């Protein structure tokens, strides 16, 4: 039991935002804060993993990334493109041809970004990796990415009710992980079926399993595709305990996906109209 003044002393790093490349989101008061669990939610192929990896590679902070949804070859090529600015297809070709020496130094500079590529990690495996991270670096991660949360093996789920209950329990577990490690835990997650094409703003109710009670923050992500194949990703803060939120999903910050480097580039310098008003 702590007094308010004691709580100041024992809070640790909880509440501190980690470095992130999404400045328009920051202007909307949405941050990825240490000690909190949040979700990035989108339909298949929209770019959830690209969003998570942009965050993981940007700040060069201690990060543990559970990449259940993407292989080592995919993540290495994507990360090298984001870090160096080179074309991701060129990077992937060099990797597959065994001619990757050019990129080793750049990747080596992100030495405390560590991956687990298990397709079905268990909570026990995740905890072992956290302990291994602590043993290796003498500190715990400041960012933990779980990509995506439905790949975490929490036991059998026989029906929709047990699926929703399992997601709720997993969210509680990841929220506790954030509290215990003082890391920001970012989980990527899917939408319900009606929002799965990712072409319109996704409301809070569009999160699969209605899994919105536990996270401190939730972003839904929808895309715009132009006639030339360009893509814009729109981030809607549908839940945000520390600032602005719009549960309809219709207020969003926009980023252009550089299809070459896979970096997300600021599209607007001004506040979205609904937020500014």
C-alpha atoms as a PDB file:
ATOM      1  CA  UNK A   1       0.000   0.000   0.000  1.00  0.00           C
ATOM      2  CA  UNK A   2       1.496   3.338  -1.103  1.00  0.00           C
ATOM      3  CA  UNK A   3       0.707   6.975  -0.479  1.00  0.00           C
ATOM      4  CA  UNK A   4       0.587   9.367  -3.438  1.00  0.00           C
ATOM      5  CA  UNK A   5       4.072  10.665  -2.671  1.00  0.00           C
ATOM      6  CA  UNK A   6       5.403   7.100  -2.349  1.00  0.00           C
ATOM      7  CA  UNK A   7       3.737   6.257  -5.659  1.00  0.00           C
ATOM      8  CA  UNK A   8       5.848   8.945  -7.331  1.00  0.00           C
ATOM      9  CA  UNK A   9       8.994   7.190  -6.114  1.00  0.00           C
ATOM     10  CA  UNK A  10       8.019   3.622  -7.003  1.00  0.00           C
ATOM     11  CA  UNK A  11       6.480   4.271 -10.436  1.00  0.00           C
ATOM     12  CA  UNK A  12       9.755   3.502 -12.246  1.00  0.00           C
ATOM     13  CA  UNK A  13       9.571   4.329 -15.970  1.00  0.00           C
ATOM     14  CA  UNK A  14       5.830   3.707 -16.233  1.00  0.00           C
ATOM     15  CA  UNK A  15       4.039   6.309 -18.329  1.00  0.00           C
ATOM     16  CA  UNK A  16       7.108   7.480 -20.250  1.00  0.00           C
ATOM     17  CA  UNK A  17       6.561   7.443 -24.045  1.00  0.00           C
ATOM     18  CA  UNK A  18       9.046   5.456 -26.106  1.00  0.00           C
ATOM     19  CA  UNK A  19      10.570   7.053 -29.235  1.00  0.00           C
ATOM     20  CA  UNK A  20       8.270   6.621 -32.216  1.00  0.00           C
ATOM     21  CA  UNK A  21       8.215   7.820 -35.836  1.00  0.00           C
ATOM     22  CA  UNK A  22       4.511   8.694 -35.849  1.00  0.00           C
ATOM     23  CA  UNK A  23       4.564  12.412 -35.068  1.00  0.00           C
ATOM     24  CA  UNK A  24       0.996  13.074 -36.207  1.00  0.00           C
ATOM     25  CA  UNK A  25      -0.202  10.521 -33.667  1.00  0.00           C
ATOM     26  CA  UNK A  26       1.838  12.265 -30.974  1.00  0.00           C
ATOM     27  CA  UNK A  27       0.142  15.551 -31.854  1.00  0.00           C
ATOM     28  CA  UNK A  28      -3.158  13.748 -31.290  1.00  0.00           C
ATOM     29  CA  UNK A  29      -1.910  12.822 -27.768  1.00  0.00           C
ATOM     30  CA  UNK A  30      -1.478   9.159 -28.676  1.00  0.00           C
ATOM     31  CA  UNK A  31       1.813   7.705 -27.414  1.00  0.00           C
ATOM     32  CA  UNK A  32       3.243   4.235 -26.843  1.00  0.00           C
ATOM     33  CA  UNK A  33       3.880   4.481 -23.107  1.00  0.00           C
ATOM     34  CA  UNK A  34       6.016   2.209 -20.973  1.00  0.00           C
ATOM     35  CA  UNK A  35       4.097   0.025 -18.545  1.00  0.00           C
ATOM     36  CA  UNK A  36       1.061  -0.096 -20.869  1.00  0.00           C
ATOM     37  CA  UNK A  37      -0.401  -2.585 -23.338  1.00  0.00           C
ATOM     38  CA  UNK A  38      -1.914  -1.444 -26.635  1.00  0.00           C
ATOM     39  CA  UNK A  39      -3.299  -2.930 -29.838  1.00  0.00           C
ATOM     40  CA  UNK A  40      -2.717  -2.139 -33.525  1.00  0.00           C
ATOM     41  CA  UNK A  41      -5.721  -3.555 -35.370  1.00  0.00           C
ATOM     42  CA  UNK A  42      -6.223  -3.971 -39.121  1.00  0.00           C
ATOM     43  CA  UNK A  43      -7.510  -6.326 -41.778  1.00  0.00           C
ATOM     44  CA  UNK A  44      -5.285  -8.896 -43.525  1.00  0.00           C
ATOM     45  CA  UNK A  45      -2.560  -7.366 -45.685  1.00  0.00           C
ATOM     46  CA  UNK A  46      -3.142  -3.807 -44.514  1.00  0.00           C
ATOM     47  CA  UNK A  47       0.272  -3.440 -42.872  1.00  0.00           C
ATOM     48  CA  UNK A  48       0.029  -4.270 -39.156  1.00  0.00           C
ATOM     49  CA  UNK A  49       3.448  -5.939 -39.128  1.00  0.00           C
ATOM     50  CA  UNK A  50       5.017  -3.050 -41.061  1.00  0.00           C
ATOM     51  CA  UNK A  51       3.636  -0.609 -38.476  1.00  0.00           C
ATOM     52  CA  UNK A  52       5.026  -2.699 -35.598  1.00  0.00           C
ATOM     53  CA  UNK A  53       8.433  -3.104 -37.268  1.00  0.00           C
ATOM     54  CA  UNK A  54       8.683   0.624 -38.046  1.00  0.00           C
ATOM     55  CA  UNK A  55       8.170   1.267 -34.338  1.00  0.00           C
ATOM     56  CA  UNK A  56      10.664  -1.444 -33.341  1.00  0.00           C
ATOM     57  CA  UNK A  57      13.456  -0.264 -35.664  1.00  0.00           C
ATOM     58  CA  UNK A  58      12.996   3.485 -35.216  1.00  0.00           C
ATOM     59  CA  UNK A  59      14.253   4.362 -31.752  1.00  0.00           C
ATOM     60  CA  UNK A  60      17.100   1.861 -31.357  1.00  0.00           C
ATOM     61  CA  UNK A  61      15.785   0.955 -27.912  1.00  0.00           C
ATOM     62  CA  UNK A  62      15.837  -2.469 -26.210  1.00  0.00           C
ATOM     63  CA  UNK A  63      13.095  -4.413 -27.983  1.00  0.00           C
ATOM     64  CA  UNK A  64      11.866  -8.012 -28.010  1.00  0.00           C
ATOM     65  CA  UNK A  65       9.750  -8.887 -31.036  1.00  0.00           C
ATOM     66  CA  UNK A  66       7.624 -12.051 -31.164  1.00  0.00           C
ATOM     67  CA  UNK A  67       7.201 -12.481 -34.927  1.00  0.00           C
ATOM     68  CA  UNK A  68       4.705 -15.335 -35.148  1.00  0.00           C
ATOM     69  CA  UNK A  69       3.147 -13.898 -38.314  1.00  0.00           C
ATOM     70  CA  UNK A  70       6.310 -13.362 -40.398  1.00  0.00           C
ATOM     71  CA  UNK A  71       9.438 -15.431 -41.065  1.00  0.00           C
ATOM     72  CA  UNK A  72      13.032 -14.449 -40.350  1.00  0.00           C
ATOM     73  CA  UNK A  73      13.703 -13.828 -44.064  1.00  0.00           C
ATOM     74  CA  UNK A  74      10.747 -11.437 -44.328  1.00  0.00           C
ATOM     75  CA  UNK A  75      11.587  -9.505 -41.178  1.00  0.00           C
ATOM     76  CA  UNK A  76      15.312  -9.250 -41.924  1.00  0.00           C
ATOM     77  CA  UNK A  77      14.631  -7.887 -45.424  1.00  0.00           C
ATOM     78  CA  UNK A  78      11.997  -5.446 -44.161  1.00  0.00           C
ATOM     79  CA  UNK A  79      14.144  -4.222 -41.267  1.00  0.00           C
ATOM     80  CA  UNK A  80      17.205  -3.721 -43.496  1.00  0.00           C
ATOM     81  CA  UNK A  81      15.102  -1.680 -45.933  1.00  0.00           C
ATOM     82  CA  UNK A  82      13.632   0.481 -43.163  1.00  0.00           C
ATOM     83  CA  UNK A  83      17.014   1.104 -41.534  1.00  0.00           C
ATOM     84  CA  UNK A  84      19.025   1.822 -44.710  1.00  0.00           C
ATOM     85  CA  UNK A  85      16.306   3.230 -46.985  1.00  0.00           C
ATOM     86  CA  UNK A  86      17.174   0.706 -49.714  1.00  0.00           C
ATOM     87  CA  UNK A  87      14.522  -1.024 -51.805  1.00  0.00           C
ATOM     88  CA  UNK A  88      13.079  -3.986 -49.890  1.00  0.00           C
ATOM     89  CA  UNK A  89      12.994  -6.180 -53.013  1.00  0.00           C
ATOM     90  CA  UNK A  90      16.686  -5.504 -53.632  1.00  0.00           C
ATOM     91  CA  UNK A  91      17.435  -6.327 -49.990  1.00  0.00           C
ATOM     92  CA  UNK A  92      15.431  -9.574 -50.147  1.00  0.00           C
ATOM     93  CA  UNK A  93      17.219 -10.616 -53.352  1.00  0.00           C
ATOM     94  CA  UNK A  94      20.612  -9.986 -51.727  1.00  0.00           C
ATOM     95  CA  UNK A  95      19.578 -12.020 -48.691  1.00  0.00           C
ATOM     96  CA  UNK A  96      18.400 -14.998 -50.739  1.00  0.00           C
ATOM     97  CA  UNK A  97      21.523 -14.866 -52.936  1.00  0.00           C
ATOM     98  CA  UNK A  98      23.806 -14.920 -49.898  1.00  0.00           C
ATOM     99  CA  UNK A  99      25.186 -11.495 -50.779  1.00  0.00           C
ATOM    100  CA  UNK A 100      24.089  -9.700 -47.635  1.00  0.00           C
ATOM    101  CA  UNK A 101      27.410  -8.410 -46.312  1.00  0.00           C
ATOM    102  CA  UNK A 102      26.531  -4.847 -47.304  1.00  0.00           C
ATOM    103  CA  UNK A 103      23.686  -4.814 -44.766  1.00  0.00           C
ATOM    104  CA  UNK A 104      25.308  -6.559 -41.817  1.00  0.00           C
ATOM    105  CA  UNK A 105      26.789  -3.411 -40.279  1.00  0.00           C
ATOM    106  CA  UNK A 106      23.473  -1.523 -40.420  1.00  0.00           C
ATOM    107  CA  UNK A 107      21.623  -4.437 -38.832  1.00  0.00           C
ATOM    108  CA  UNK A 108      24.370  -4.885 -36.244  1.00  0.00           C
ATOM    109  CA  UNK A 109      23.735  -1.369 -34.975  1.00  0.00           C
ATOM    110  CA  UNK A 110      20.293  -2.570 -33.834  1.00  0.00           C
ATOM    111  CA  UNK A 111      21.979  -5.164 -31.641  1.00  0.00           C
ATOM    112  CA  UNK A 112      19.382  -5.082 -28.881  1.00  0.00           C
ATOM    113  CA  UNK A 113      16.415  -5.635 -31.199  1.00  0.00           C
ATOM    114  CA  UNK A 114      15.816  -9.374 -30.711  1.00  0.00           C
ATOM    115  CA  UNK A 115      13.306 -11.702 -32.388  1.00  0.00           C
ATOM    116  CA  UNK A 116      11.458 -14.900 -31.596  1.00  0.00           C
ATOM    117  CA  UNK A 117      10.123 -16.554 -34.775  1.00  0.00           C
ATOM    118  CA  UNK A 118       8.038 -19.299 -33.211  1.00  0.00           C
ATOM    119  CA  UNK A 119       4.724 -19.633 -35.064  1.00  0.00           C
ATOM    120  CA  UNK A 120       2.863 -20.477 -31.826  1.00  0.00           C
ATOM    121  CA  UNK A 121       4.765 -19.037 -28.857  1.00  0.00           C
ATOM    122  CA  UNK A 122       3.434 -19.945 -25.429  1.00  0.00           C
ATOM    123  CA  UNK A 123       3.378 -17.577 -22.459  1.00  0.00           C
ATOM    124  CA  UNK A 124       6.062 -19.761 -20.867  1.00  0.00           C
ATOM    125  CA  UNK A 125       8.307 -19.360 -23.938  1.00  0.00           C
ATOM    126  CA  UNK A 126       7.750 -15.610 -23.911  1.00  0.00           C
ATOM    127  CA  UNK A 127       8.768 -15.406 -20.254  1.00  0.00           C
ATOM    128  CA  UNK A 128      11.923 -17.440 -20.927  1.00  0.00           C
ATOM    129  CA  UNK A 129      12.892 -15.032 -23.692  1.00  0.00           C
ATOM    130  CA  UNK A 130      12.348 -12.071 -21.374  1.00  0.00           C
ATOM    131  CA  UNK A 131      14.656 -13.674 -18.808  1.00  0.00           C
ATOM    132  CA  UNK A 132      17.217 -14.395 -21.535  1.00  0.00           C
ATOM    133  CA  UNK A 133      17.025 -10.744 -22.643  1.00  0.00           C
ATOM    134  CA  UNK A 134      17.645  -9.613 -19.070  1.00  0.00           C
ATOM    135  CA  UNK A 135      20.570 -12.039 -18.701  1.00  0.00           C
ATOM    136  CA  UNK A 136      22.115 -10.871 -21.996  1.00  0.00           C
ATOM    137  CA  UNK A 137      21.739  -7.106 -21.676  1.00  0.00           C
ATOM    138  CA  UNK A 138      21.276  -6.512 -17.955  1.00  0.00           C
ATOM    139  CA  UNK A 139      17.930  -4.802 -18.609  1.00  0.00           C
ATOM    140  CA  UNK A 140      14.457  -5.673 -19.800  1.00  0.00           C
ATOM    141  CA  UNK A 141      13.044  -4.468 -23.134  1.00  0.00           C
ATOM    142  CA  UNK A 142      11.403  -1.060 -23.369  1.00  0.00           C
ATOM    143  CA  UNK A 143       9.213  -2.353 -26.221  1.00  0.00           C
ATOM    144  CA  UNK A 144       7.708  -5.826 -26.632  1.00  0.00           C
ATOM    145  CA  UNK A 145       5.875  -6.551 -29.906  1.00  0.00           C
ATOM    146  CA  UNK A 146       3.515  -9.521 -30.161  1.00  0.00           C
ATOM    147  CA  UNK A 147       2.720  -9.993 -33.851  1.00  0.00           C
ATOM    148  CA  UNK A 148       0.020 -11.133 -33.687  1.00  0.00           C
ATOM    149  CA  UNK A 149      -1.778 -11.954 -30.469  1.00  0.00           C
ATOM    150  CA  UNK A 150      -4.019 -14.661 -31.954  1.00  0.00           C
ATOM    151  CA  UNK A 151      -0.874 -16.699 -32.688  1.00  0.00           C
ATOM    152  CA  UNK A 152      -0.001 -16.972 -28.994  1.00  0.00           C
ATOM    153  CA  UNK A 153      -0.766 -20.513 -27.832  1.00  0.00           C
ATOM    154  CA  UNK A 154      -3.068 -20.174 -24.836  1.00  0.00           C
ATOM    155  CA  UNK A 155      -4.634 -23.622 -25.134  1.00  0.00           C
ATOM    156  CA  UNK A 156      -7.598 -25.058 -27.059  1.00  0.00           C
ATOM    157  CA  UNK A 157     -10.486 -22.796 -28.093  1.00  0.00           C
ATOM    158  CA  UNK A 158     -13.512 -24.832 -29.151  1.00  0.00           C
ATOM    159  CA  UNK A 159     -16.017 -22.080 -29.963  1.00  0.00           C
ATOM    160  CA  UNK A 160     -16.491 -18.325 -30.342  1.00  0.00           C
ATOM    161  CA  UNK A 161     -17.135 -17.843 -26.630  1.00  0.00           C
ATOM    162  CA  UNK A 162     -13.929 -19.606 -25.592  1.00  0.00           C
ATOM    163  CA  UNK A 163     -12.028 -17.657 -28.284  1.00  0.00           C
ATOM    164  CA  UNK A 164     -13.225 -14.324 -26.889  1.00  0.00           C
ATOM    165  CA  UNK A 165     -12.570 -15.446 -23.325  1.00  0.00           C
ATOM    166  CA  UNK A 166      -9.081 -16.613 -24.302  1.00  0.00           C
ATOM    167  CA  UNK A 167      -8.301 -13.259 -25.946  1.00  0.00           C
ATOM    168  CA  UNK A 168      -9.493 -11.428 -22.847  1.00  0.00           C
ATOM    169  CA  UNK A 169      -7.227 -13.560 -20.641  1.00  0.00           C
ATOM    170  CA  UNK A 170      -4.297 -13.059 -23.009  1.00  0.00           C
ATOM    171  CA  UNK A 171      -4.846  -9.300 -22.949  1.00  0.00           C
ATOM    172  CA  UNK A 172      -4.822  -9.393 -19.147  1.00  0.00           C
ATOM    173  CA  UNK A 173      -1.568 -11.350 -19.296  1.00  0.00           C
ATOM    174  CA  UNK A 174       0.069  -8.902 -21.741  1.00  0.00           C
ATOM    175  CA  UNK A 175      -1.119  -5.956 -19.667  1.00  0.00           C
ATOM    176  CA  UNK A 176       0.483  -7.541 -16.611  1.00  0.00           C
ATOM    177  CA  UNK A 177       3.649  -8.149 -18.653  1.00  0.00           C
ATOM    178  CA  UNK A 178       3.773  -4.425 -19.434  1.00  0.00           C
ATOM    179  CA  UNK A 179       3.372  -3.549 -15.748  1.00  0.00           C
ATOM    180  CA  UNK A 180       6.006  -6.025 -14.562  1.00  0.00           C
ATOM    181  CA  UNK A 181       8.636  -5.147 -17.188  1.00  0.00           C
ATOM    182  CA  UNK A 182       7.978  -1.380 -17.541  1.00  0.00           C
ATOM    183  CA  UNK A 183       7.889  -1.995 -21.294  1.00  0.00           C
ATOM    184  CA  UNK A 184       5.294  -0.920 -23.790  1.00  0.00           C
ATOM    185  CA  UNK A 185       3.659  -4.107 -25.060  1.00  0.00           C
ATOM    186  CA  UNK A 186       2.217  -3.702 -28.561  1.00  0.00           C
ATOM    187  CA  UNK A 187       0.001  -6.478 -29.863  1.00  0.00           C
ATOM    188  CA  UNK A 188      -1.134  -6.632 -33.477  1.00  0.00           C
ATOM    189  CA  UNK A 189      -4.636  -7.999 -33.979  1.00  0.00           C
ATOM    190  CA  UNK A 190      -7.388  -8.576 -36.560  1.00  0.00           C
ATOM    191  CA  UNK A 191     -10.744  -6.964 -37.234  1.00  0.00           C
ATOM    192  CA  UNK A 192     -14.174  -8.511 -37.331  1.00  0.00           C
ATOM    193  CA  UNK A 193     -15.253  -9.805 -40.732  1.00  0.00           C
ATOM    194  CA  UNK A 194     -17.167  -6.760 -41.937  1.00  0.00           C
ATOM    195  CA  UNK A 195     -14.078  -4.557 -41.597  1.00  0.00           C
ATOM    196  CA  UNK A 196     -11.539  -7.047 -42.947  1.00  0.00           C
ATOM    197  CA  UNK A 197     -11.092  -5.376 -46.359  1.00  0.00           C
ATOM    198  CA  UNK A 198      -9.427  -2.460 -44.543  1.00  0.00           C
ATOM    199  CA  UNK A 199     -10.791   0.175 -46.922  1.00  0.00           C
ATOM    200  CA  UNK A 200     -12.938   2.213 -44.520  1.00  0.00           C
ATOM    201  CA  UNK A 201     -12.362   3.598 -40.999  1.00  0.00           C
ATOM    202  CA  UNK A 202     -12.616   0.814 -38.428  1.00  0.00           C
ATOM    203  CA  UNK A 203     -14.454   1.615 -35.179  1.00  0.00           C
ATOM    204  CA  UNK A 204     -13.641   0.321 -31.712  1.00  0.00           C
ATOM    205  CA  UNK A 205     -16.387  -2.271 -32.154  1.00  0.00           C
ATOM    206  CA  UNK A 206     -14.543  -3.632 -35.212  1.00  0.00           C
ATOM    207  CA  UNK A 207     -11.803  -5.231 -33.092  1.00  0.00           C
ATOM    208  CA  UNK A 208     -11.988  -9.015 -33.388  1.00  0.00           C
ATOM    209  CA  UNK A 209     -13.377 -10.685 -30.288  1.00  0.00           C
ATOM    210  CA  UNK A 210     -14.507  -7.252 -29.007  1.00  0.00           C
ATOM    211  CA  UNK A 211     -11.111  -7.257 -27.323  1.00  0.00           C
ATOM    212  CA  UNK A 212     -11.017  -3.602 -26.259  1.00  0.00           C
ATOM    213  CA  UNK A 213     -11.580  -3.561 -22.500  1.00  0.00           C
ATOM    214  CA  UNK A 214      -8.034  -4.231 -21.292  1.00  0.00           C
ATOM    215  CA  UNK A 215      -5.647  -2.296 -23.592  1.00  0.00           C
ATOM    216  CA  UNK A 216      -4.728   1.238 -22.550  1.00  0.00           C
ATOM    217  CA  UNK A 217      -4.779   2.226 -26.205  1.00  0.00           C
ATOM    218  CA  UNK A 218      -6.014   0.856 -29.507  1.00  0.00           C
ATOM    219  CA  UNK A 219      -5.267   1.991 -33.052  1.00  0.00           C
ATOM    220  CA  UNK A 220      -7.274   0.763 -35.997  1.00  0.00           C
ATOM    221  CA  UNK A 221      -5.623   1.037 -39.395  1.00  0.00           C
ATOM    222  CA  UNK A 222      -7.296   1.323 -42.781  1.00  0.00           C
ATOM    223  CA  UNK A 223      -5.746   1.919 -46.176  1.00  0.00           C
ATOM    224  CA  UNK A 224      -6.233   4.031 -49.283  1.00  0.00           C
ATOM    225  CA  UNK A 225      -4.854   2.778 -52.596  1.00  0.00           C
ATOM    226  CA  UNK A 226      -4.466   5.104 -55.581  1.00  0.00           C
ATOM    227  CA  UNK A 227      -4.479   4.292 -59.304  1.00  0.00           C
ATOM    228  CA  UNK A 228      -0.675   4.028 -59.333  1.00  0.00           C
ATOM    229  CA  UNK A 229      -0.586   1.434 -56.563  1.00  0.00           C
ATOM    230  CA  UNK A 230       0.462   3.932 -53.894  1.00  0.00           C
ATOM    231  CA  UNK A 231      -0.785   3.269 -50.400  1.00  0.00           C
ATOM    232  CA  UNK A 232      -1.724   5.523 -47.503  1.00  0.00           C
ATOM    233  CA  UNK A 233      -2.270   4.049 -44.052  1.00  0.00           C
ATOM    234  CA  UNK A 234      -4.665   5.881 -41.737  1.00  0.00           C
ATOM    235  CA  UNK A 235      -4.258   5.395 -37.964  1.00  0.00           C
ATOM    236  CA  UNK A 236      -7.415   5.914 -35.885  1.00  0.00           C
ATOM    237  CA  UNK A 237      -6.993   6.223 -32.084  1.00  0.00           C
ATOM    238  CA  UNK A 238     -10.235   4.452 -31.130  1.00  0.00           C
ATOM    239  CA  UNK A 239      -9.145   4.047 -27.506  1.00  0.00           C
ATOM    240  CA  UNK A 240      -6.680   6.215 -25.597  1.00  0.00           C
ATOM    241  CA  UNK A 241      -6.612   6.524 -21.815  1.00  0.00           C
ATOM    242  CA  UNK A 242      -4.086   9.357 -21.930  1.00  0.00           C
ATOM    243  CA  UNK A 243      -5.584  11.651 -24.542  1.00  0.00           C
ATOM    244  CA  UNK A 244      -7.760  12.093 -27.585  1.00  0.00           C
ATOM    245  CA  UNK A 245      -9.830   9.181 -28.887  1.00  0.00           C
ATOM    246  CA  UNK A 246     -12.643   8.726 -31.373  1.00  0.00           C
ATOM    247  CA  UNK A 247     -14.271   5.317 -31.078  1.00  0.00           C
ATOM    248  CA  UNK A 248     -15.899   5.725 -34.509  1.00  0.00           C
ATOM    249  CA  UNK A 249     -12.479   5.514 -36.171  1.00  0.00           C
ATOM    250  CA  UNK A 250     -13.296   8.489 -38.379  1.00  0.00           C
ATOM    251  CA  UNK A 251     -10.549  10.739 -36.985  1.00  0.00           C
ATOM    252  CA  UNK A 252      -7.137   9.551 -38.082  1.00  0.00           C
ATOM    253  CA  UNK A 253      -3.514  10.441 -38.764  1.00  0.00           C
ATOM    254  CA  UNK A 254      -2.306   9.561 -42.263  1.00  0.00           C
ATOM    255  CA  UNK A 255       1.014   8.136 -43.428  1.00  0.00           C
ATOM    256  CA  UNK A 256       2.287   7.339 -46.880  1.00  0.00           C
ATOM    257  CA  UNK A 257       3.794   3.858 -47.127  1.00  0.00           C
ATOM    258  CA  UNK A 258       7.022   4.112 -49.089  1.00  0.00           C
ATOM    259  CA  UNK A 259       6.667   0.908 -51.108  1.00  0.00           C
ATOM    260  CA  UNK A 260      10.434   0.775 -51.630  1.00  0.00           C
ATOM    261  CA  UNK A 261      11.879   1.252 -48.124  1.00  0.00           C
ATOM    262  CA  UNK A 262       8.658   0.285 -46.268  1.00  0.00           C
ATOM    263  CA  UNK A 263       9.020   3.380 -44.126  1.00  0.00           C
ATOM    264  CA  UNK A 264       5.882   5.261 -43.097  1.00  0.00           C
ATOM    265  CA  UNK A 265       6.155   8.937 -44.038  1.00  0.00           C
ATOM    266  CA  UNK A 266       4.208  11.834 -42.549  1.00  0.00           C
ATOM    267  CA  UNK A 267       1.465  12.962 -44.892  1.00  0.00           C
ATOM    268  CA  UNK A 268       0.122  16.010 -43.070  1.00  0.00           C
ATOM    269  CA  UNK A 269       1.652  18.528 -40.705  1.00  0.00           C
ATOM    270  CA  UNK A 270      -1.667  19.829 -39.409  1.00  0.00           C
ATOM    271  CA  UNK A 271      -4.134  18.286 -36.994  1.00  0.00           C
ATOM    272  CA  UNK A 272      -7.005  16.258 -38.451  1.00  0.00           C
ATOM    273  CA  UNK A 273     -10.043  18.532 -38.711  1.00  0.00           C
ATOM    274  CA  UNK A 274     -12.150  16.661 -36.132  1.00  0.00           C
ATOM    275  CA  UNK A 275      -9.324  16.766 -33.606  1.00  0.00           C
ATOM    276  CA  UNK A 276      -8.378  20.413 -34.199  1.00  0.00           C
ATOM    277  CA  UNK A 277     -11.933  21.551 -33.640  1.00  0.00           C
END
